[in-house]
Amino acid sequence: SFKQGATGEEDFAAPERGRVAHRIQNAAALAAWEKNKNKPFEICDTLQHSVWGHNAQEDGKHKKVDEVMEMLANAKEAKANLLLNTGPLASGAIPEEDAVTLREVGKRSRG
């Protein structure tokens, strides 16, 4: 996938948080992105707003159901998969606020 060290020959593009071109400052990476930008997408994002792993300072501030539904709609519009990180606790458990959100997203998605 299109990540660090990309050559432009990857099978799919996987931009973090769905943003790519305006954040690439390395000429080689930008050239690789130009070769990959029309390939299938997988958007990588998190339920936390600013971190990939669990951070107690983010507790109570994770993305809510409507935000995740919007992320799914945006992914669908872009014909992309959405890879959604939960930032598990040290025990490996999913934070309860994320579990509640994901259960409701599942209900709405099936509904």
Protein backbone atom coordinates (compact mmCIF):
# COMPACT_ATOMS: atom_id res chain seq x y z
CA SER A 1 0.00 0.00 0.00
CA PHE A 2 1.00 3.63 -0.39
CA LYS A 3 2.84 4.41 2.85
CA GLN A 4 6.33 5.60 3.73
CA GLY A 5 8.86 4.26 1.25
CA ALA A 6 6.26 4.07 -1.51
CA THR A 7 7.47 3.68 -5.07
CA GLY A 8 4.26 4.33 -7.01
CA GLU A 9 3.88 0.66 -7.85
CA GLU A 10 1.66 -0.19 -4.87
CA ASP A 11 -1.67 -2.05 -5.31
CA PHE A 12 -3.70 0.57 -3.45
CA ALA A 13 -3.38 3.93 -1.74
CA ALA A 14 -3.86 4.10 2.04
CA PRO A 15 -3.74 7.74 3.13
CA GLU A 16 -3.92 8.39 6.85
CA ARG A 17 -7.00 10.35 7.84
CA GLY A 18 -7.94 10.59 4.17
CA ARG A 19 -5.55 13.45 3.46
CA VAL A 20 -2.52 13.10 1.30
CA ALA A 21 -1.33 15.47 -1.39
CA HIS A 22 -1.43 18.71 0.57
CA ARG A 23 0.64 17.13 3.37
CA ILE A 24 3.40 15.54 1.27
CA GLN A 25 6.56 17.62 1.33
CA ASN A 26 9.07 15.08 0.00
CA ALA A 27 9.40 15.17 -3.81
CA ALA A 28 9.87 11.39 -4.13
CA ALA A 29 6.80 10.70 -1.99
CA LEU A 30 4.75 13.19 -4.00
CA ALA A 31 5.83 11.51 -7.24
CA ALA A 32 4.80 8.11 -5.81
CA TRP A 33 1.46 9.57 -4.70
CA GLU A 34 0.84 10.91 -8.21
CA LYS A 35 1.25 7.34 -9.53
CA ASN A 36 -1.04 5.89 -6.83
CA LYS A 37 -3.79 8.50 -6.46
CA ASN A 38 -6.21 6.82 -8.88
CA LYS A 39 -5.80 3.32 -7.45
CA PRO A 40 -8.23 1.74 -4.98
CA PHE A 41 -8.24 3.55 -1.62
CA GLU A 42 -8.18 2.51 1.99
CA ILE A 43 -8.59 5.50 4.31
CA CYS A 44 -6.86 4.95 7.65
CA ASP A 45 -8.29 6.90 10.59
CA THR A 46 -8.97 6.63 14.30
CA LEU A 47 -11.81 7.05 16.74
CA GLN A 48 -9.59 9.48 18.64
CA HIS A 49 -9.19 12.95 17.19
CA SER A 50 -5.42 13.32 17.50
CA VAL A 51 -3.75 10.02 18.42
CA TRP A 52 -3.48 6.47 17.04
CA GLY A 53 -3.04 4.63 20.34
CA HIS A 54 -4.94 5.01 23.58
CA ASN A 55 -4.33 8.30 25.35
CA ALA A 56 -6.23 8.89 28.61
CA GLN A 57 -6.35 12.62 27.84
CA GLU A 58 -8.63 11.77 24.89
CA ASP A 59 -11.11 9.81 27.05
CA GLY A 60 -14.61 11.22 26.61
CA LYS A 61 -13.55 13.02 23.43
CA HIS A 62 -13.56 10.14 20.93
CA LYS A 63 -15.52 10.41 17.70
CA LYS A 64 -19.24 9.86 18.09
CA VAL A 65 -21.67 7.89 15.95
CA ASP A 66 -22.56 10.75 13.59
CA GLU A 67 -18.88 11.48 12.95
CA VAL A 68 -18.18 7.82 12.12
CA MET A 69 -21.24 7.64 9.88
CA GLU A 70 -19.93 10.70 8.02
CA MET A 71 -16.52 9.02 7.69
CA LEU A 72 -18.23 5.95 6.22
CA ALA A 73 -20.24 8.09 3.81
CA ASN A 74 -17.08 9.89 2.71
CA ALA A 75 -15.30 6.57 2.20
CA LYS A 76 -18.22 5.25 0.18
CA GLU A 77 -18.24 8.38 -1.98
CA ALA A 78 -14.50 7.95 -2.58
CA LYS A 79 -15.05 4.23 -3.34
CA ALA A 80 -12.68 3.47 -0.47
CA ASN A 81 -12.43 1.10 2.46
CA LEU A 82 -12.36 2.71 5.89
CA LEU A 83 -9.76 1.27 8.27
CA LEU A 84 -10.85 2.61 11.66
CA ASN A 85 -8.45 2.30 14.59
CA THR A 86 -9.90 1.96 18.09
CA GLY A 87 -6.77 2.76 20.12
CA PRO A 88 -7.19 -0.19 22.54
CA LEU A 89 -6.41 0.03 26.24
CA ALA A 90 -3.21 -1.53 27.64
CA SER A 91 -5.26 -4.66 28.43
CA GLY A 92 -6.23 -4.96 24.76
CA ALA A 93 -9.86 -4.05 25.50
CA ILE A 94 -11.69 -1.53 23.35
CA PRO A 95 -12.60 1.61 25.32
CA GLU A 96 -16.29 1.49 26.29
CA GLU A 97 -17.08 4.78 24.53
CA ASP A 98 -15.75 3.26 21.29
CA ALA A 99 -17.67 0.02 21.82
CA VAL A 100 -20.90 2.00 22.25
CA THR A 101 -20.17 4.03 19.11
CA LEU A 102 -19.30 0.97 17.03
CA ARG A 103 -22.42 -0.93 18.15
CA GLU A 104 -24.63 1.99 17.10
CA VAL A 105 -22.77 2.42 13.80
CA GLY A 106 -23.41 -1.27 13.15
CA LYS A 107 -27.13 -0.86 13.90
CA ARG A 108 -27.45 2.16 11.63
CA SER A 109 -25.47 0.48 8.86
CA ARG A 110 -27.76 -2.54 8.89
CA GLY A 111 -30.92 -0.48 9.33
